[in-house]
Amino acid sequence: MDGVAVLRISGVVRREDALMLLQSIGQSPASVRGSFILDFQGVEHVDYHVFVLFEEWFSSSPGVVMSGLSDYLLDIFAFVQRRNAIPIYPDWRKALNYLVVQRARLGEPLIAGMTAGS
């Protein structure tokens, strides 16, 4: 995947759920291609181990951002966060705007297959 995907997450997120999500994105942190917005708008609770996994996986992937975290989820994330490695936005639209600007700076198309003049 070379474009931007919004992955909407809902309910209660456990470590096993996060592992499945990570496997669907890539086999390893180095294999993550494209940009992803992890939207937590519909999430009630996250096992803190999930945020530890995300920080380990995405600290070297500038194309991954999180959005829609409630104050409760932000508190959990702040408890485990070590490096400020993952940008967080209040909603997915603001996260998308950030990624569009970042990709434009790098000269990457927003949509896979899109080139200048298409």
PDB file of N, CA and C in Angstrom:
ATOM      1  N   MET A   1       0.848  -1.166   0.000  1.00  0.00           N
ATOM      2  CA  MET A   1       0.000   0.000   0.000  1.00  0.00           C
ATOM      3  C   MET A   1       0.891   1.225   0.000  1.00  0.00           C
ATOM      4  N   ASP A   2       0.690   2.103  -0.970  1.00  0.00           N
ATOM      5  CA  ASP A   2       1.522   3.295  -1.060  1.00  0.00           C
ATOM      6  C   ASP A   2       0.767   4.574  -0.750  1.00  0.00           C
ATOM      7  N   GLY A   3      -0.544   4.516  -0.588  1.00  0.00           N
ATOM      8  CA  GLY A   3      -1.334   5.704  -0.308  1.00  0.00           C
ATOM      9  C   GLY A   3      -1.504   5.927   1.177  1.00  0.00           C
ATOM     10  N   VAL A   4      -2.656   6.496   1.547  1.00  0.00           N
ATOM     11  CA  VAL A   4      -2.992   6.746   2.946  1.00  0.00           C
ATOM     12  C   VAL A   4      -4.227   5.925   3.287  1.00  0.00           C
ATOM     13  N   ALA A   5      -4.154   5.143   4.355  1.00  0.00           N
ATOM     14  CA  ALA A   5      -5.295   4.347   4.808  1.00  0.00           C
ATOM     15  C   ALA A   5      -5.717   4.816   6.192  1.00  0.00           C
ATOM     16  N   VAL A   6      -7.021   4.971   6.375  1.00  0.00           N
ATOM     17  CA  VAL A   6      -7.578   5.277   7.691  1.00  0.00           C
ATOM     18  C   VAL A   6      -8.093   3.965   8.266  1.00  0.00           C
ATOM     19  N   LEU A   7      -7.501   3.537   9.364  1.00  0.00           N
ATOM     20  CA  LEU A   7      -7.909   2.296  10.016  1.00  0.00           C
ATOM     21  C   LEU A   7      -8.704   2.664  11.256  1.00  0.00           C
ATOM     22  N   ARG A   8     -10.014   2.462  11.180  1.00  0.00           N
ATOM     23  CA  ARG A   8     -10.895   2.805  12.295  1.00  0.00           C
ATOM     24  C   ARG A   8     -10.969   1.638  13.263  1.00  0.00           C
ATOM     25  N   ILE A   9     -10.641   1.927  14.499  1.00  0.00           N
ATOM     26  CA  ILE A   9     -10.593   0.911  15.541  1.00  0.00           C
ATOM     27  C   ILE A   9     -11.741   1.197  16.502  1.00  0.00           C
ATOM     28  N   SER A  10     -12.369   0.136  17.037  1.00  0.00           N
ATOM     29  CA  SER A  10     -13.481   0.363  17.965  1.00  0.00           C
ATOM     30  C   SER A  10     -13.495  -0.698  19.051  1.00  0.00           C
ATOM     31  N   GLY A  11     -14.252  -0.391  20.115  1.00  0.00           N
ATOM     32  CA  GLY A  11     -14.427  -1.341  21.216  1.00  0.00           C
ATOM     33  C   GLY A  11     -13.268  -1.341  22.179  1.00  0.00           C
ATOM     34  N   VAL A  12     -12.967  -2.528  22.690  1.00  0.00           N
ATOM     35  CA  VAL A  12     -11.857  -2.737  23.612  1.00  0.00           C
ATOM     36  C   VAL A  12     -10.723  -3.365  22.815  1.00  0.00           C
ATOM     37  N   VAL A  13      -9.536  -2.768  22.887  1.00  0.00           N
ATOM     38  CA  VAL A  13      -8.399  -3.243  22.102  1.00  0.00           C
ATOM     39  C   VAL A  13      -7.412  -3.952  23.028  1.00  0.00           C
ATOM     40  N   ARG A  14      -7.214  -5.239  22.752  1.00  0.00           N
ATOM     41  CA  ARG A  14      -6.270  -6.046  23.523  1.00  0.00           C
ATOM     42  C   ARG A  14      -4.986  -6.241  22.715  1.00  0.00           C
ATOM     43  N   ARG A  15      -3.983  -6.765  23.361  1.00  0.00           N
ATOM     44  CA  ARG A  15      -2.688  -7.011  22.715  1.00  0.00           C
ATOM     45  C   ARG A  15      -2.855  -7.902  21.483  1.00  0.00           C
ATOM     46  N   GLU A  16      -3.675  -8.937  21.578  1.00  0.00           N
ATOM     47  CA  GLU A  16      -3.889  -9.846  20.455  1.00  0.00           C
ATOM     48  C   GLU A  16      -4.483  -9.112  19.250  1.00  0.00           C
ATOM     49  N   ASP A  17      -5.400  -8.179  19.522  1.00  0.00           N
ATOM     50  CA  ASP A  17      -5.998  -7.373  18.448  1.00  0.00           C
ATOM     51  C   ASP A  17      -4.930  -6.529  17.759  1.00  0.00           C
ATOM     52  N   ALA A  18      -4.055  -5.941  18.567  1.00  0.00           N
ATOM     53  CA  ALA A  18      -2.990  -5.101  18.017  1.00  0.00           C
ATOM     54  C   ALA A  18      -2.035  -5.920  17.164  1.00  0.00           C
ATOM     55  N   LEU A  19      -1.712  -7.134  17.607  1.00  0.00           N
ATOM     56  CA  LEU A  19      -0.819  -7.990  16.823  1.00  0.00           C
ATOM     57  C   LEU A  19      -1.427  -8.317  15.462  1.00  0.00           C
ATOM     58  N   MET A  20      -2.740  -8.586  15.423  1.00  0.00           N
ATOM     59  CA  MET A  20      -3.403  -8.848  14.143  1.00  0.00           C
ATOM     60  C   MET A  20      -3.347  -7.619  13.243  1.00  0.00           C
ATOM     61  N   LEU A  21      -3.565  -6.440  13.820  1.00  0.00           N
ATOM     62  CA  LEU A  21      -3.499  -5.202  13.051  1.00  0.00           C
ATOM     63  C   LEU A  21      -2.099  -4.997  12.483  1.00  0.00           C
ATOM     64  N   LEU A  22      -1.098  -5.197  13.316  1.00  0.00           N
ATOM     65  CA  LEU A  22       0.283  -5.017  12.859  1.00  0.00           C
ATOM     66  C   LEU A  22       0.635  -5.995  11.745  1.00  0.00           C
ATOM     67  N   GLN A  23       0.182  -7.233  11.852  1.00  0.00           N
ATOM     68  CA  GLN A  23       0.449  -8.212  10.801  1.00  0.00           C
ATOM     69  C   GLN A  23      -0.232  -7.835   9.489  1.00  0.00           C
ATOM     70  N   SER A  24      -1.395  -7.204   9.569  1.00  0.00           N
ATOM     71  CA  SER A  24      -2.080  -6.800   8.341  1.00  0.00           C
ATOM     72  C   SER A  24      -1.396  -5.606   7.681  1.00  0.00           C
ATOM     73  N   ILE A  25      -0.701  -4.797   8.478  1.00  0.00           N
ATOM     74  CA  ILE A  25       0.008  -3.632   7.933  1.00  0.00           C
ATOM     75  C   ILE A  25       1.333  -4.045   7.304  1.00  0.00           C
ATOM     76  N   GLY A  26       2.057  -4.961   7.951  1.00  0.00           N
ATOM     77  CA  GLY A  26       3.357  -5.399   7.448  1.00  0.00           C
ATOM     78  C   GLY A  26       3.916  -6.502   8.319  1.00  0.00           C
ATOM     79  N   GLN A  27       4.839  -7.250   7.790  1.00  0.00           N
ATOM     80  CA  GLN A  27       5.408  -8.375   8.527  1.00  0.00           C
ATOM     81  C   GLN A  27       6.414  -7.929   9.588  1.00  0.00           C
ATOM     82  N   SER A  28       6.952  -6.728   9.428  1.00  0.00           N
ATOM     83  CA  SER A  28       7.905  -6.188  10.394  1.00  0.00           C
ATOM     84  C   SER A  28       7.832  -4.668  10.319  1.00  0.00           C
ATOM     85  N   PRO A  29       8.368  -3.981  11.313  1.00  0.00           N
ATOM     86  CA  PRO A  29       8.342  -2.517  11.247  1.00  0.00           C
ATOM     87  C   PRO A  29       8.988  -1.970   9.977  1.00  0.00           C
ATOM     88  N   ALA A  30      10.030  -2.614   9.502  1.00  0.00           N
ATOM     89  CA  ALA A  30      10.725  -2.145   8.298  1.00  0.00           C
ATOM     90  C   ALA A  30       9.894  -2.342   7.031  1.00  0.00           C
ATOM     91  N   SER A  31       8.906  -3.231   7.074  1.00  0.00           N
ATOM     92  CA  SER A  31       8.121  -3.512   5.867  1.00  0.00           C
ATOM     93  C   SER A  31       6.885  -2.631   5.723  1.00  0.00           C
ATOM     94  N   VAL A  32       6.656  -1.728   6.676  1.00  0.00           N
ATOM     95  CA  VAL A  32       5.492  -0.836   6.603  1.00  0.00           C
ATOM     96  C   VAL A  32       5.711   0.144   5.464  1.00  0.00           C
ATOM     97  N   ARG A  33       4.772   0.133   4.495  1.00  0.00           N
ATOM     98  CA  ARG A  33       4.832   1.047   3.351  1.00  0.00           C
ATOM     99  C   ARG A  33       3.565   1.877   3.333  1.00  0.00           C
ATOM    100  N   GLY A  34       3.665   3.062   2.818  1.00  0.00           N
ATOM    101  CA  GLY A  34       2.500   3.925   2.776  1.00  0.00           C
ATOM    102  C   GLY A  34       2.304   4.629   4.109  1.00  0.00           C
ATOM    103  N   SER A  35       1.143   5.232   4.249  1.00  0.00           N
ATOM    104  CA  SER A  35       0.819   5.980   5.461  1.00  0.00           C
ATOM    105  C   SER A  35      -0.471   5.453   6.064  1.00  0.00           C
ATOM    106  N   PHE A  36      -0.537   5.478   7.382  1.00  0.00           N
ATOM    107  CA  PHE A  36      -1.692   4.950   8.091  1.00  0.00           C
ATOM    108  C   PHE A  36      -2.137   5.911   9.177  1.00  0.00           C
ATOM    109  N   ILE A  37      -3.447   6.082   9.275  1.00  0.00           N
ATOM    110  CA  ILE A  37      -4.047   6.815  10.384  1.00  0.00           C
ATOM    111  C   ILE A  37      -4.776   5.779  11.226  1.00  0.00           C
ATOM    112  N   LEU A  38      -4.348   5.601  12.455  1.00  0.00           N
ATOM    113  CA  LEU A  38      -5.026   4.701  13.381  1.00  0.00           C
ATOM    114  C   LEU A  38      -6.032   5.543  14.148  1.00  0.00           C
ATOM    115  N   ASP A  39      -7.313   5.412  13.797  1.00  0.00           N
ATOM    116  CA  ASP A  39      -8.369   6.245  14.371  1.00  0.00           C
ATOM    117  C   ASP A  39      -9.037   5.518  15.540  1.00  0.00           C
ATOM    118  N   PHE A  40      -8.879   6.067  16.732  1.00  0.00           N
ATOM    119  CA  PHE A  40      -9.379   5.466  17.966  1.00  0.00           C
ATOM    120  C   PHE A  40     -10.712   6.050  18.420  1.00  0.00           C
ATOM    121  N   GLN A  41     -11.419   6.746  17.548  1.00  0.00           N
ATOM    122  CA  GLN A  41     -12.653   7.435  17.933  1.00  0.00           C
ATOM    123  C   GLN A  41     -13.657   6.520  18.632  1.00  0.00           C
ATOM    124  N   GLY A  42     -13.806   5.290  18.187  1.00  0.00           N
ATOM    125  CA  GLY A  42     -14.799   4.387  18.770  1.00  0.00           C
ATOM    126  C   GLY A  42     -14.246   3.442  19.824  1.00  0.00           C
ATOM    127  N   VAL A  43     -13.057   3.726  20.339  1.00  0.00           N
ATOM    128  CA  VAL A  43     -12.416   2.817  21.298  1.00  0.00           C
ATOM    129  C   VAL A  43     -12.793   3.193  22.725  1.00  0.00           C
ATOM    130  N   GLU A  44     -13.187   2.179  23.493  1.00  0.00           N
ATOM    131  CA  GLU A  44     -13.551   2.375  24.897  1.00  0.00           C
ATOM    132  C   GLU A  44     -12.350   2.203  25.823  1.00  0.00           C
ATOM    133  N   HIS A  45     -11.501   1.220  25.517  1.00  0.00           N
ATOM    134  CA  HIS A  45     -10.344   0.927  26.365  1.00  0.00           C
ATOM    135  C   HIS A  45      -9.253   0.282  25.523  1.00  0.00           C
ATOM    136  N   VAL A  46      -7.996   0.554  25.893  1.00  0.00           N
ATOM    137  CA  VAL A  46      -6.842  -0.054  25.237  1.00  0.00           C
ATOM    138  C   VAL A  46      -5.931  -0.619  26.315  1.00  0.00           C
ATOM    139  N   ASP A  47      -5.587  -1.895  26.173  1.00  0.00           N
ATOM    140  CA  ASP A  47      -4.578  -2.493  27.052  1.00  0.00           C
ATOM    141  C   ASP A  47      -3.285  -1.705  26.830  1.00  0.00           C
ATOM    142  N   TYR A  48      -2.626  -1.305  27.885  1.00  0.00           N
ATOM    143  CA  TYR A  48      -1.445  -0.458  27.721  1.00  0.00           C
ATOM    144  C   TYR A  48      -0.347  -1.137  26.894  1.00  0.00           C
ATOM    145  N   HIS A  49      -0.331  -2.449  26.860  1.00  0.00           N
ATOM    146  CA  HIS A  49       0.659  -3.164  26.047  1.00  0.00           C
ATOM    147  C   HIS A  49       0.513  -2.837  24.555  1.00  0.00           C
ATOM    148  N   VAL A  50      -0.692  -2.491  24.146  1.00  0.00           N
ATOM    149  CA  VAL A  50      -0.940  -2.124  22.748  1.00  0.00           C
ATOM    150  C   VAL A  50      -0.127  -0.894  22.381  1.00  0.00           C
ATOM    151  N   PHE A  51      -0.143   0.113  23.239  1.00  0.00           N
ATOM    152  CA  PHE A  51       0.606   1.324  22.942  1.00  0.00           C
ATOM    153  C   PHE A  51       2.114   1.072  22.973  1.00  0.00           C
ATOM    154  N   VAL A  52       2.569   0.174  23.830  1.00  0.00           N
ATOM    155  CA  VAL A  52       3.981  -0.205  23.838  1.00  0.00           C
ATOM    156  C   VAL A  52       4.354  -0.833  22.494  1.00  0.00           C
ATOM    157  N   LEU A  53       3.525  -1.760  22.012  1.00  0.00           N
ATOM    158  CA  LEU A  53       3.761  -2.387  20.699  1.00  0.00           C
ATOM    159  C   LEU A  53       3.777  -1.348  19.580  1.00  0.00           C
ATOM    160  N   PHE A  54       2.781  -0.463  19.581  1.00  0.00           N
ATOM    161  CA  PHE A  54       2.700   0.547  18.530  1.00  0.00           C
ATOM    162  C   PHE A  54       3.936   1.434  18.538  1.00  0.00           C
ATOM    163  N   GLU A  55       4.383   1.836  19.708  1.00  0.00           N
ATOM    164  CA  GLU A  55       5.556   2.702  19.768  1.00  0.00           C
ATOM    165  C   GLU A  55       6.797   1.973  19.241  1.00  0.00           C
ATOM    166  N   GLU A  56       6.945   0.700  19.582  1.00  0.00           N
ATOM    167  CA  GLU A  56       8.080  -0.077  19.071  1.00  0.00           C
ATOM    168  C   GLU A  56       8.015  -0.217  17.558  1.00  0.00           C
ATOM    169  N   TRP A  57       6.833  -0.518  17.021  1.00  0.00           N
ATOM    170  CA  TRP A  57       6.682  -0.743  15.588  1.00  0.00           C
ATOM    171  C   TRP A  57       6.780   0.537  14.782  1.00  0.00           C
ATOM    172  N   PHE A  58       6.152   1.600  15.263  1.00  0.00           N
ATOM    173  CA  PHE A  58       5.982   2.787  14.438  1.00  0.00           C
ATOM    174  C   PHE A  58       6.980   3.898  14.718  1.00  0.00           C
ATOM    175  N   SER A  59       7.912   3.704  15.645  1.00  0.00           N
ATOM    176  CA  SER A  59       8.868   4.767  15.947  1.00  0.00           C
ATOM    177  C   SER A  59       9.759   5.074  14.749  1.00  0.00           C
ATOM    178  N   SER A  60       9.951   4.101  13.865  1.00  0.00           N
ATOM    179  CA  SER A  60      10.767   4.335  12.672  1.00  0.00           C
ATOM    180  C   SER A  60       9.908   4.501  11.418  1.00  0.00           C
ATOM    181  N   SER A  61       8.602   4.683  11.591  1.00  0.00           N
ATOM    182  CA  SER A  61       7.681   4.835  10.457  1.00  0.00           C
ATOM    183  C   SER A  61       6.979   6.188  10.542  1.00  0.00           C
ATOM    184  N   PRO A  62       7.538   7.208   9.909  1.00  0.00           N
ATOM    185  CA  PRO A  62       6.947   8.539  10.016  1.00  0.00           C
ATOM    186  C   PRO A  62       5.577   8.668   9.369  1.00  0.00           C
ATOM    187  N   GLY A  63       5.144   7.659   8.625  1.00  0.00           N
ATOM    188  CA  GLY A  63       3.854   7.707   7.948  1.00  0.00           C
ATOM    189  C   GLY A  63       2.711   7.146   8.776  1.00  0.00           C
ATOM    190  N   VAL A  64       2.915   6.943  10.071  1.00  0.00           N
ATOM    191  CA  VAL A  64       1.856   6.419  10.933  1.00  0.00           C
ATOM    192  C   VAL A  64       1.520   7.466  11.993  1.00  0.00           C
ATOM    193  N   VAL A  65       0.231   7.812  12.052  1.00  0.00           N
ATOM    194  CA  VAL A  65      -0.241   8.754  13.060  1.00  0.00           C
ATOM    195  C   VAL A  65      -1.489   8.180  13.727  1.00  0.00           C
ATOM    196  N   MET A  66      -1.799   8.694  14.898  1.00  0.00           N
ATOM    197  CA  MET A  66      -2.998   8.260  15.609  1.00  0.00           C
ATOM    198  C   MET A  66      -3.948   9.447  15.738  1.00  0.00           C
ATOM    199  N   SER A  67      -5.243   9.123  15.796  1.00  0.00           N
ATOM    200  CA  SER A  67      -6.243  10.180  15.949  1.00  0.00           C
ATOM    201  C   SER A  67      -7.394   9.682  16.807  1.00  0.00           C
ATOM    202  N   GLY A  68      -8.199  10.644  17.284  1.00  0.00           N
ATOM    203  CA  GLY A  68      -9.433  10.319  17.979  1.00  0.00           C
ATOM    204  C   GLY A  68      -9.280   9.730  19.366  1.00  0.00           C
ATOM    205  N   LEU A  69      -8.136   9.900  20.004  1.00  0.00           N
ATOM    206  CA  LEU A  69      -7.956   9.359  21.349  1.00  0.00           C
ATOM    207  C   LEU A  69      -8.691  10.228  22.368  1.00  0.00           C
ATOM    208  N   SER A  70      -9.502   9.607  23.195  1.00  0.00           N
ATOM    209  CA  SER A  70     -10.177  10.329  24.274  1.00  0.00           C
ATOM    210  C   SER A  70      -9.143  10.701  25.332  1.00  0.00           C
ATOM    211  N   ASP A  71      -9.534  11.550  26.272  1.00  0.00           N
ATOM    212  CA  ASP A  71      -8.622  11.912  27.366  1.00  0.00           C
ATOM    213  C   ASP A  71      -8.177  10.670  28.130  1.00  0.00           C
ATOM    214  N   TYR A  72      -9.090   9.729  28.315  1.00  0.00           N
ATOM    215  CA  TYR A  72      -8.772   8.480  29.010  1.00  0.00           C
ATOM    216  C   TYR A  72      -7.688   7.698  28.265  1.00  0.00           C
ATOM    217  N   LEU A  73      -7.836   7.568  26.948  1.00  0.00           N
ATOM    218  CA  LEU A  73      -6.840   6.846  26.152  1.00  0.00           C
ATOM    219  C   LEU A  73      -5.514   7.604  26.090  1.00  0.00           C
ATOM    220  N   LEU A  74      -5.587   8.919  26.032  1.00  0.00           N
ATOM    221  CA  LEU A  74      -4.355   9.723  26.052  1.00  0.00           C
ATOM    222  C   LEU A  74      -3.590   9.511  27.351  1.00  0.00           C
ATOM    223  N   ASP A  75      -4.309   9.379  28.458  1.00  0.00           N
ATOM    224  CA  ASP A  75      -3.651   9.114  29.745  1.00  0.00           C
ATOM    225  C   ASP A  75      -2.925   7.772  29.725  1.00  0.00           C
ATOM    226  N   ILE A  76      -3.560   6.759  29.151  1.00  0.00           N
ATOM    227  CA  ILE A  76      -2.915   5.446  29.053  1.00  0.00           C
ATOM    228  C   ILE A  76      -1.674   5.544  28.167  1.00  0.00           C
ATOM    229  N   PHE A  77      -1.813   6.224  27.039  1.00  0.00           N
ATOM    230  CA  PHE A  77      -0.678   6.368  26.121  1.00  0.00           C
ATOM    231  C   PHE A  77       0.459   7.135  26.788  1.00  0.00           C
ATOM    232  N   ALA A  78       0.132   8.204  27.497  1.00  0.00           N
ATOM    233  CA  ALA A  78       1.165   8.994  28.177  1.00  0.00           C
ATOM    234  C   ALA A  78       1.901   8.172  29.229  1.00  0.00           C
ATOM    235  N   PHE A  79       1.199   7.225  29.840  1.00  0.00           N
ATOM    236  CA  PHE A  79       1.799   6.371  30.857  1.00  0.00           C
ATOM    237  C   PHE A  79       2.916   5.507  30.274  1.00  0.00           C
ATOM    238  N   VAL A  80       2.764   5.031  29.044  1.00  0.00           N
ATOM    239  CA  VAL A  80       3.749   4.114  28.457  1.00  0.00           C
ATOM    240  C   VAL A  80       4.671   4.774  27.433  1.00  0.00           C
ATOM    241  N   GLN A  81       4.316   5.942  26.955  1.00  0.00           N
ATOM    242  CA  GLN A  81       5.076   6.602  25.898  1.00  0.00           C
ATOM    243  C   GLN A  81       6.479   6.957  26.378  1.00  0.00           C
ATOM    244  N   ARG A  82       7.459   6.661  25.516  1.00  0.00           N
ATOM    245  CA  ARG A  82       8.849   6.942  25.866  1.00  0.00           C
ATOM    246  C   ARG A  82       9.530   7.944  24.949  1.00  0.00           C
ATOM    247  N   ARG A  83       9.088   8.051  23.707  1.00  0.00           N
ATOM    248  CA  ARG A  83       9.873   8.828  22.747  1.00  0.00           C
ATOM    249  C   ARG A  83       9.112   9.891  21.966  1.00  0.00           C
ATOM    250  N   ASN A  84       7.855  10.105  22.190  1.00  0.00           N
ATOM    251  CA  ASN A  84       7.071  11.012  21.340  1.00  0.00           C
ATOM    252  C   ASN A  84       7.205  10.623  19.871  1.00  0.00           C
ATOM    253  N   ALA A  85       7.187   9.317  19.613  1.00  0.00           N
ATOM    254  CA  ALA A  85       7.464   8.811  18.271  1.00  0.00           C
ATOM    255  C   ALA A  85       6.263   8.843  17.343  1.00  0.00           C
ATOM    256  N   ILE A  86       5.047   8.860  17.889  1.00  0.00           N
ATOM    257  CA  ILE A  86       3.859   8.776  17.048  1.00  0.00           C
ATOM    258  C   ILE A  86       3.056  10.065  17.198  1.00  0.00           C
ATOM    259  N   PRO A  87       2.890  10.816  16.107  1.00  0.00           N
ATOM    260  CA  PRO A  87       2.068  12.025  16.183  1.00  0.00           C
ATOM    261  C   PRO A  87       0.605  11.670  16.491  1.00  0.00           C
ATOM    262  N   ILE A  88      -0.060  12.520  17.268  1.00  0.00           N
ATOM    263  CA  ILE A  88      -1.458  12.304  17.646  1.00  0.00           C
ATOM    264  C   ILE A  88      -2.267  13.541  17.262  1.00  0.00           C
ATOM    265  N   TYR A  89      -3.423  13.303  16.619  1.00  0.00           N
ATOM    266  CA  TYR A  89      -4.316  14.383  16.195  1.00  0.00           C
ATOM    267  C   TYR A  89      -5.713  14.147  16.750  1.00  0.00           C
ATOM    268  N   PRO A  90      -6.473  15.231  16.953  1.00  0.00           N
ATOM    269  CA  PRO A  90      -7.800  15.077  17.553  1.00  0.00           C
ATOM    270  C   PRO A  90      -8.785  14.281  16.692  1.00  0.00           C
ATOM    271  N   ASP A  91      -8.637  14.361  15.366  1.00  0.00           N
ATOM    272  CA  ASP A  91      -9.523  13.577  14.495  1.00  0.00           C
ATOM    273  C   ASP A  91      -8.768  13.172  13.233  1.00  0.00           C
ATOM    274  N   TRP A  92      -9.345  12.230  12.489  1.00  0.00           N
ATOM    275  CA  TRP A  92      -8.650  11.670  11.331  1.00  0.00           C
ATOM    276  C   TRP A  92      -8.454  12.683  10.212  1.00  0.00           C
ATOM    277  N   ARG A  93      -9.341  13.669  10.111  1.00  0.00           N
ATOM    278  CA  ARG A  93      -9.198  14.671   9.048  1.00  0.00           C
ATOM    279  C   ARG A  93      -7.946  15.520   9.260  1.00  0.00           C
ATOM    280  N   LYS A  94      -7.686  15.895  10.509  1.00  0.00           N
ATOM    281  CA  LYS A  94      -6.471  16.675  10.806  1.00  0.00           C
ATOM    282  C   LYS A  94      -5.231  15.810  10.600  1.00  0.00           C
ATOM    283  N   ALA A  95      -5.323  14.538  10.948  1.00  0.00           N
ATOM    284  CA  ALA A  95      -4.210  13.615  10.712  1.00  0.00           C
ATOM    285  C   ALA A  95      -3.951  13.469   9.212  1.00  0.00           C
ATOM    286  N   LEU A  96      -5.021  13.368   8.427  1.00  0.00           N
ATOM    287  CA  LEU A  96      -4.878  13.256   6.978  1.00  0.00           C
ATOM    288  C   LEU A  96      -4.215  14.506   6.407  1.00  0.00           C
ATOM    289  N   ASN A  97      -4.620  15.666   6.875  1.00  0.00           N
ATOM    290  CA  ASN A  97      -4.013  16.912   6.416  1.00  0.00           C
ATOM    291  C   ASN A  97      -2.510  16.905   6.691  1.00  0.00           C
ATOM    292  N   TYR A  98      -2.111  16.476   7.879  1.00  0.00           N
ATOM    293  CA  TYR A  98      -0.700  16.379   8.237  1.00  0.00           C
ATOM    294  C   TYR A  98       0.040  15.452   7.261  1.00  0.00           C
ATOM    295  N   LEU A  99      -0.538  14.269   7.009  1.00  0.00           N
ATOM    296  CA  LEU A  99       0.121  13.308   6.117  1.00  0.00           C
ATOM    297  C   LEU A  99       0.213  13.824   4.687  1.00  0.00           C
ATOM    298  N   VAL A 100      -0.819  14.517   4.231  1.00  0.00           N
ATOM    299  CA  VAL A 100      -0.790  15.090   2.880  1.00  0.00           C
ATOM    300  C   VAL A 100       0.374  16.073   2.767  1.00  0.00           C
ATOM    301  N   VAL A 101       0.532  16.927   3.760  1.00  0.00           N
ATOM    302  CA  VAL A 101       1.623  17.908   3.746  1.00  0.00           C
ATOM    303  C   VAL A 101       2.976  17.202   3.806  1.00  0.00           C
ATOM    304  N   GLN A 102       3.103  16.203   4.676  1.00  0.00           N
ATOM    305  CA  GLN A 102       4.366  15.471   4.800  1.00  0.00           C
ATOM    306  C   GLN A 102       4.727  14.764   3.499  1.00  0.00           C
ATOM    307  N   ARG A 103       3.754  14.109   2.882  1.00  0.00           N
ATOM    308  CA  ARG A 103       4.015  13.391   1.634  1.00  0.00           C
ATOM    309  C   ARG A 103       4.369  14.363   0.509  1.00  0.00           C
ATOM    310  N   ALA A 104       3.740  15.538   0.502  1.00  0.00           N
ATOM    311  CA  ALA A 104       4.053  16.542  -0.520  1.00  0.00           C
ATOM    312  C   ALA A 104       5.490  17.032  -0.359  1.00  0.00           C
ATOM    313  N   ARG A 105       5.934  17.182   0.888  1.00  0.00           N
ATOM    314  CA  ARG A 105       7.322  17.609   1.133  1.00  0.00           C
ATOM    315  C   ARG A 105       8.315  16.584   0.612  1.00  0.00           C
ATOM    316  N   LEU A 106       7.931  15.316   0.693  1.00  0.00           N
ATOM    317  CA  LEU A 106       8.811  14.243   0.235  1.00  0.00           C
ATOM    318  C   LEU A 106       8.638  13.944  -1.248  1.00  0.00           C
ATOM    319  N   GLY A 107       7.652  14.606  -1.882  1.00  0.00           N
ATOM    320  CA  GLY A 107       7.399  14.382  -3.299  1.00  0.00           C
ATOM    321  C   GLY A 107       6.691  13.072  -3.589  1.00  0.00           C
ATOM    322  N   GLU A 108       5.983  12.519  -2.596  1.00  0.00           N
ATOM    323  CA  GLU A 108       5.259  11.265  -2.774  1.00  0.00           C
ATOM    324  C   GLU A 108       3.817  11.546  -3.165  1.00  0.00           C
ATOM    325  N   PRO A 109       3.249  10.754  -4.062  1.00  0.00           N
ATOM    326  CA  PRO A 109       1.824  10.934  -4.398  1.00  0.00           C
ATOM    327  C   PRO A 109       0.945  10.530  -3.231  1.00  0.00           C
ATOM    328  N   LEU A 110      -0.213  11.159  -3.101  1.00  0.00           N
ATOM    329  CA  LEU A 110      -1.156  10.830  -2.032  1.00  0.00           C
ATOM    330  C   LEU A 110      -1.834   9.493  -2.306  1.00  0.00           C
ATOM    331  N   ILE A 111      -2.138   9.229  -3.575  1.00  0.00           N
ATOM    332  CA  ILE A 111      -2.826   8.006  -3.951  1.00  0.00           C
ATOM    333  C   ILE A 111      -1.876   7.165  -4.800  1.00  0.00           C
ATOM    334  N   ALA A 112      -1.823   5.876  -4.488  1.00  0.00           N
ATOM    335  CA  ALA A 112      -0.939   4.977  -5.247  1.00  0.00           C
ATOM    336  C   ALA A 112      -1.245   5.094  -6.736  1.00  0.00           C
ATOM    337  N   GLY A 113      -0.211   5.215  -7.532  1.00  0.00           N
ATOM    338  CA  GLY A 113      -0.392   5.282  -8.977  1.00  0.00           C
ATOM    339  C   GLY A 113      -0.563   6.703  -9.497  1.00  0.00           C
ATOM    340  N   MET A 114      -0.780   7.684  -8.635  1.00  0.00           N
ATOM    341  CA  MET A 114      -0.965   9.054  -9.071  1.00  0.00           C
ATOM    342  C   MET A 114       0.405   9.674  -9.340  1.00  0.00           C
ATOM    343  N   THR A 115       0.548  10.338 -10.469  1.00  0.00           N
ATOM    344  CA  THR A 115       1.784  11.000 -10.804  1.00  0.00           C
ATOM    345  C   THR A 115       1.478  12.431 -11.204  1.00  0.00           C
ATOM    346  N   ALA A 116       2.490  13.240 -11.277  1.00  0.00           N
ATOM    347  CA  ALA A 116       2.301  14.629 -11.693  1.00  0.00           C
ATOM    348  C   ALA A 116       1.689  14.660 -13.086  1.00  0.00           C
ATOM    349  N   GLY A 117       0.673  15.485 -13.244  1.00  0.00           N
ATOM    350  CA  GLY A 117       0.030  15.634 -14.531  1.00  0.00           C
ATOM    351  C   GLY A 117      -1.085  14.640 -14.794  1.00  0.00           C
ATOM    352  N   SER A 118      -1.370  13.742 -13.827  1.00  0.00           N
ATOM    353  CA  SER A 118      -2.473  12.787 -14.038  1.00  0.00           C
ATOM    354  C   SER A 118      -3.785  13.413 -13.731  1.00  0.00           C
TER     355      SER A 118
END
